[in-house]
């Protein structure tokens, strides 16, 4: 049995990952911000944390086998309608929040025999999409952080990143709130559907596990083929 920390584990991808890890018999320490989890299953505990500002993870166990940082935001607007403040708001949640989390969790991760950190980017970083400048700027930083930390923490702690395409989670609800939007977004992908939280959670689960013990410093597109296939 391993012990994992899931930041943003009460909805979307994080919630799905908590369920997968719990089902595999692991201990999960998860956080929530907006969506409070009232019922805790065996081996799962939830704690409040607001990663948009200063926060303390004083509930961490002494040893962690893995950490997954899930918080993010999706603001798709023309560049001229975005303020520098909105870029900084995204950066604080998606990058600074991850940095603060890793710095607090690193001592516990280093105690484990082998541990893993999983971060999230977006398919839009490596592929130019209209109106994605704000999210791409923050997630581009995450990809750079992934590779830098993988080099610095090796061989003790592995660091990898998942780059999803559009995924059906509460975060993306405005983009998928009609059948027309769902159909149009499905057609953009060679596999003809949008991603599900379980798709991303399964990849994160793999990257946490010993099955990925020779993988570090990588950014994995999980995007229905969008980034590499033209159909």
Protein backbone atom coordinates (compact mmCIF):
# COMPACT_ATOMS: atom_id res chain seq x y z
CA UNK A 1 0.00 0.00 0.00
CA UNK A 2 1.32 3.41 -1.01
CA UNK A 3 0.37 6.88 0.22
CA UNK A 4 -0.50 9.60 -2.30
CA UNK A 5 -1.30 13.30 -2.08
CA UNK A 6 -3.87 14.59 -4.60
CA UNK A 7 -4.23 18.37 -4.71
CA UNK A 8 -7.69 19.15 -6.09
CA UNK A 9 -9.09 15.70 -5.41
CA UNK A 10 -12.78 16.53 -4.95
CA UNK A 11 -13.93 16.91 -8.56
CA UNK A 12 -13.04 16.10 -12.14
CA UNK A 13 -9.77 14.31 -12.82
CA UNK A 14 -8.66 14.49 -9.20
CA UNK A 15 -11.83 12.87 -7.92
CA UNK A 16 -11.56 10.09 -10.49
CA UNK A 17 -7.93 9.48 -9.54
CA UNK A 18 -8.79 9.32 -5.82
CA UNK A 19 -11.36 6.62 -6.63
CA UNK A 20 -8.86 4.64 -8.71
CA UNK A 21 -6.17 4.78 -6.05
CA UNK A 22 -8.62 3.90 -3.29
CA UNK A 23 -9.86 0.97 -5.36
CA UNK A 24 -6.30 -0.28 -5.68
CA UNK A 25 -5.95 -0.30 -1.90
CA UNK A 26 -3.79 2.78 -1.46
CA UNK A 27 -4.01 5.51 1.14
CA UNK A 28 -5.02 8.88 -0.32
CA UNK A 29 -4.68 12.32 1.22
CA UNK A 30 -6.64 14.78 -0.92
CA UNK A 31 -7.55 18.46 -0.86
CA UNK A 32 -10.62 20.44 -1.83
CA UNK A 33 -11.37 24.13 -2.29
CA UNK A 34 -14.93 24.67 -3.58
CA UNK A 35 -16.36 21.15 -3.48
CA UNK A 36 -16.36 19.80 0.04
CA UNK A 37 -16.40 16.02 0.35
CA UNK A 38 -18.58 15.01 3.27
CA UNK A 39 -18.20 11.25 3.15
CA UNK A 40 -14.73 9.81 3.30
CA UNK A 41 -14.17 6.24 2.20
CA UNK A 42 -11.71 3.85 3.76
CA UNK A 43 -8.15 5.05 3.31
CA UNK A 44 -9.15 8.50 2.01
CA UNK A 45 -9.01 11.80 3.88
CA UNK A 46 -9.86 15.27 2.58
CA UNK A 47 -8.46 18.60 3.77
CA UNK A 48 -9.21 22.19 2.76
CA UNK A 49 -6.51 24.03 0.80
CA UNK A 50 -6.78 27.20 -1.29
CA UNK A 51 -3.83 27.09 -3.67
CA UNK A 52 -4.51 30.57 -5.05
CA UNK A 53 -2.67 32.11 -2.08
CA UNK A 54 -0.46 31.12 0.81
CA UNK A 55 -1.42 27.73 2.20
CA UNK A 56 -0.03 25.12 4.55
CA UNK A 57 -0.12 21.36 4.04
CA UNK A 58 0.30 20.70 7.75
CA UNK A 59 -1.75 17.50 7.43
CA UNK A 60 0.85 15.68 5.33
CA UNK A 61 2.02 12.25 6.46
CA UNK A 62 5.71 11.66 7.12
CA UNK A 63 6.14 9.66 3.91
CA UNK A 64 4.60 10.18 0.48
CA UNK A 65 4.93 7.84 -2.48
CA UNK A 66 3.44 10.31 -4.92
CA UNK A 67 1.92 13.72 -5.53
CA UNK A 68 -0.52 14.85 -8.22
CA UNK A 69 -1.34 18.53 -8.68
CA UNK A 70 -4.71 18.94 -10.42
CA UNK A 71 -5.91 22.57 -9.97
CA UNK A 72 -6.29 24.61 -13.12
CA UNK A 73 -8.46 27.06 -14.99
CA UNK A 74 -9.72 27.55 -18.54
CA UNK A 75 -10.10 31.13 -19.76
CA UNK A 76 -10.40 31.25 -23.53
CA UNK A 77 -10.49 34.83 -24.81
CA UNK A 78 -8.87 36.89 -27.56
CA UNK A 79 -5.47 38.16 -26.42
CA UNK A 80 -6.54 41.82 -26.55
CA UNK A 81 -9.27 41.13 -23.99
CA UNK A 82 -6.88 39.60 -21.44
CA UNK A 83 -5.24 41.72 -18.76
CA UNK A 84 -1.82 41.10 -17.23
CA UNK A 85 -3.65 40.53 -13.96
CA UNK A 86 -5.64 37.65 -15.46
CA UNK A 87 -2.41 36.03 -16.67
CA UNK A 88 -0.99 36.34 -13.15
CA UNK A 89 -4.12 34.85 -11.61
CA UNK A 90 -3.73 31.77 -13.79
CA UNK A 91 -0.01 31.60 -13.09
CA UNK A 92 -0.56 31.72 -9.34
CA UNK A 93 -3.02 28.83 -9.39
CA UNK A 94 -1.34 26.61 -11.95
CA UNK A 95 2.36 27.27 -11.40
CA UNK A 96 3.00 28.97 -8.07
CA UNK A 97 0.48 26.67 -6.38
CA UNK A 98 2.31 23.65 -7.78
CA UNK A 99 5.67 25.04 -6.66
CA UNK A 100 4.43 25.66 -3.12
CA UNK A 101 2.91 22.19 -2.97
CA UNK A 102 6.06 20.45 -4.18
CA UNK A 103 8.29 22.39 -1.82
CA UNK A 104 6.15 21.40 1.17
CA UNK A 105 5.76 17.77 0.08
CA UNK A 106 9.35 17.16 -1.04
CA UNK A 107 10.74 16.02 2.34
CA UNK A 108 8.03 13.34 2.58
CA UNK A 109 8.57 12.33 -1.06
CA UNK A 110 12.30 11.92 -0.48
CA UNK A 111 11.73 9.61 2.48
CA UNK A 112 9.94 7.07 0.27
CA UNK A 113 12.10 4.49 -1.48
CA UNK A 114 10.88 5.75 -4.84
CA UNK A 115 8.29 8.46 -5.44
CA UNK A 116 6.55 10.24 -8.30
CA UNK A 117 5.18 13.71 -9.04
CA UNK A 118 2.54 14.20 -11.75
CA UNK A 119 1.63 17.63 -13.10
CA UNK A 120 -0.88 18.73 -15.76
CA UNK A 121 -0.29 20.80 -18.88
CA UNK A 122 -2.52 21.11 -21.97
CA UNK A 123 -2.31 20.03 -25.59
CA UNK A 124 -2.44 23.74 -26.46
CA UNK A 125 1.16 24.34 -25.29
CA UNK A 126 2.72 22.40 -28.15
CA UNK A 127 -0.03 23.24 -30.66
CA UNK A 128 -1.14 26.77 -31.49
CA UNK A 129 -4.87 27.26 -30.80
CA UNK A 130 -6.86 30.48 -31.03
CA UNK A 131 -7.73 32.17 -27.72
CA UNK A 132 -5.48 29.86 -25.65
CA UNK A 133 -2.70 32.35 -24.83
CA UNK A 134 -3.49 32.59 -21.13
CA UNK A 135 -3.69 28.89 -20.36
CA UNK A 136 -0.77 28.09 -22.68
CA UNK A 137 1.47 30.60 -20.93
CA UNK A 138 0.93 29.01 -17.51
CA UNK A 139 0.98 25.43 -18.69
CA UNK A 140 4.10 26.08 -20.76
CA UNK A 141 5.77 26.98 -17.49
CA UNK A 142 4.56 23.70 -16.01
CA UNK A 143 6.21 21.74 -18.82
CA UNK A 144 9.49 23.55 -18.21
CA UNK A 145 9.18 22.95 -14.47
CA UNK A 146 8.54 19.25 -15.09
CA UNK A 147 11.76 18.74 -17.01
CA UNK A 148 13.86 20.87 -14.67
CA UNK A 149 12.64 19.15 -11.51
CA UNK A 150 12.98 15.71 -13.11
CA UNK A 151 16.67 16.45 -13.64
CA UNK A 152 17.15 17.89 -10.17
CA UNK A 153 15.26 15.22 -8.24
CA UNK A 154 16.59 12.15 -10.08
CA UNK A 155 17.04 9.37 -9.21
CA UNK A 156 14.99 9.60 -6.03
CA UNK A 157 11.82 11.34 -7.29
CA UNK A 158 10.38 11.01 -10.79
CA UNK A 159 8.52 13.99 -12.32
CA UNK A 160 6.20 13.72 -15.33
CA UNK A 161 3.39 15.72 -16.90
CA UNK A 162 0.12 14.93 -18.69
CA UNK A 163 -1.07 17.22 -21.50
CA UNK A 164 -4.82 16.62 -22.02
CA UNK A 165 -7.10 17.86 -24.72
CA UNK A 166 -10.61 18.98 -23.79
CA UNK A 167 -11.89 16.77 -20.98
CA UNK A 168 -15.45 16.48 -19.71
CA UNK A 169 -15.06 17.83 -16.19
CA UNK A 170 -16.75 20.63 -14.23
CA UNK A 171 -13.83 22.90 -15.22
CA UNK A 172 -14.80 22.55 -18.90
CA UNK A 173 -18.56 22.59 -18.40
CA UNK A 174 -19.11 25.85 -20.31
CA UNK A 175 -17.44 24.35 -23.36
CA UNK A 176 -19.59 21.21 -23.30
CA UNK A 177 -22.96 22.38 -21.98
CA UNK A 178 -24.96 21.60 -25.11
CA UNK A 179 -25.20 18.59 -27.41
CA UNK A 180 -24.01 20.77 -30.29
CA UNK A 181 -20.85 21.76 -28.41
CA UNK A 182 -20.22 18.17 -27.36
CA UNK A 183 -20.60 16.93 -30.92
CA UNK A 184 -18.42 19.64 -32.45
CA UNK A 185 -15.65 19.08 -29.93
CA UNK A 186 -15.81 15.31 -30.40
CA UNK A 187 -15.40 15.73 -34.16
CA UNK A 188 -12.18 17.73 -33.68
CA UNK A 189 -10.47 14.62 -32.30
CA UNK A 190 -9.43 11.63 -34.43
CA UNK A 191 -10.99 9.30 -31.85
CA UNK A 192 -14.27 11.23 -32.18
CA UNK A 193 -14.97 11.92 -28.55
CA UNK A 194 -13.86 14.31 -25.87
CA UNK A 195 -11.72 13.09 -23.03
CA UNK A 196 -13.17 11.77 -19.81
CA UNK A 197 -11.79 12.31 -16.33
CA UNK A 198 -11.07 8.59 -16.13
CA UNK A 199 -8.77 8.82 -19.18
CA UNK A 200 -6.50 11.33 -17.46
CA UNK A 201 -6.77 9.65 -14.07
CA UNK A 202 -5.68 6.32 -15.54
CA UNK A 203 -2.57 7.94 -17.01
CA UNK A 204 -1.79 9.64 -13.71
CA UNK A 205 -2.29 6.33 -11.90
CA UNK A 206 0.21 4.68 -14.25
CA UNK A 207 2.77 7.46 -13.74
CA UNK A 208 2.46 7.12 -9.97
CA UNK A 209 2.97 3.37 -10.06
CA UNK A 210 6.09 1.23 -10.26
CA UNK A 211 5.06 0.32 -13.81
CA UNK A 212 6.49 3.69 -14.86
CA UNK A 213 9.65 3.40 -12.77
CA UNK A 214 11.96 4.14 -15.75
CA UNK A 215 10.07 7.22 -16.93
CA UNK A 216 10.83 10.77 -15.85
CA UNK A 217 10.96 14.25 -17.35
CA UNK A 218 8.27 13.47 -19.93
CA UNK A 219 5.16 15.29 -21.14
CA UNK A 220 2.49 12.83 -22.30
CA UNK A 221 -0.31 14.00 -24.61
CA UNK A 222 -3.58 12.29 -23.69
CA UNK A 223 -5.67 13.97 -26.34
CA UNK A 224 -7.56 11.55 -28.56
CA UNK A 225 -4.87 11.91 -31.21
CA UNK A 226 -5.45 15.65 -31.68
CA UNK A 227 -1.79 16.68 -31.44
CA UNK A 228 -0.36 14.16 -33.90
CA UNK A 229 -3.05 12.87 -36.26
CA UNK A 230 -4.84 14.64 -39.05
CA UNK A 231 -7.98 12.79 -40.14
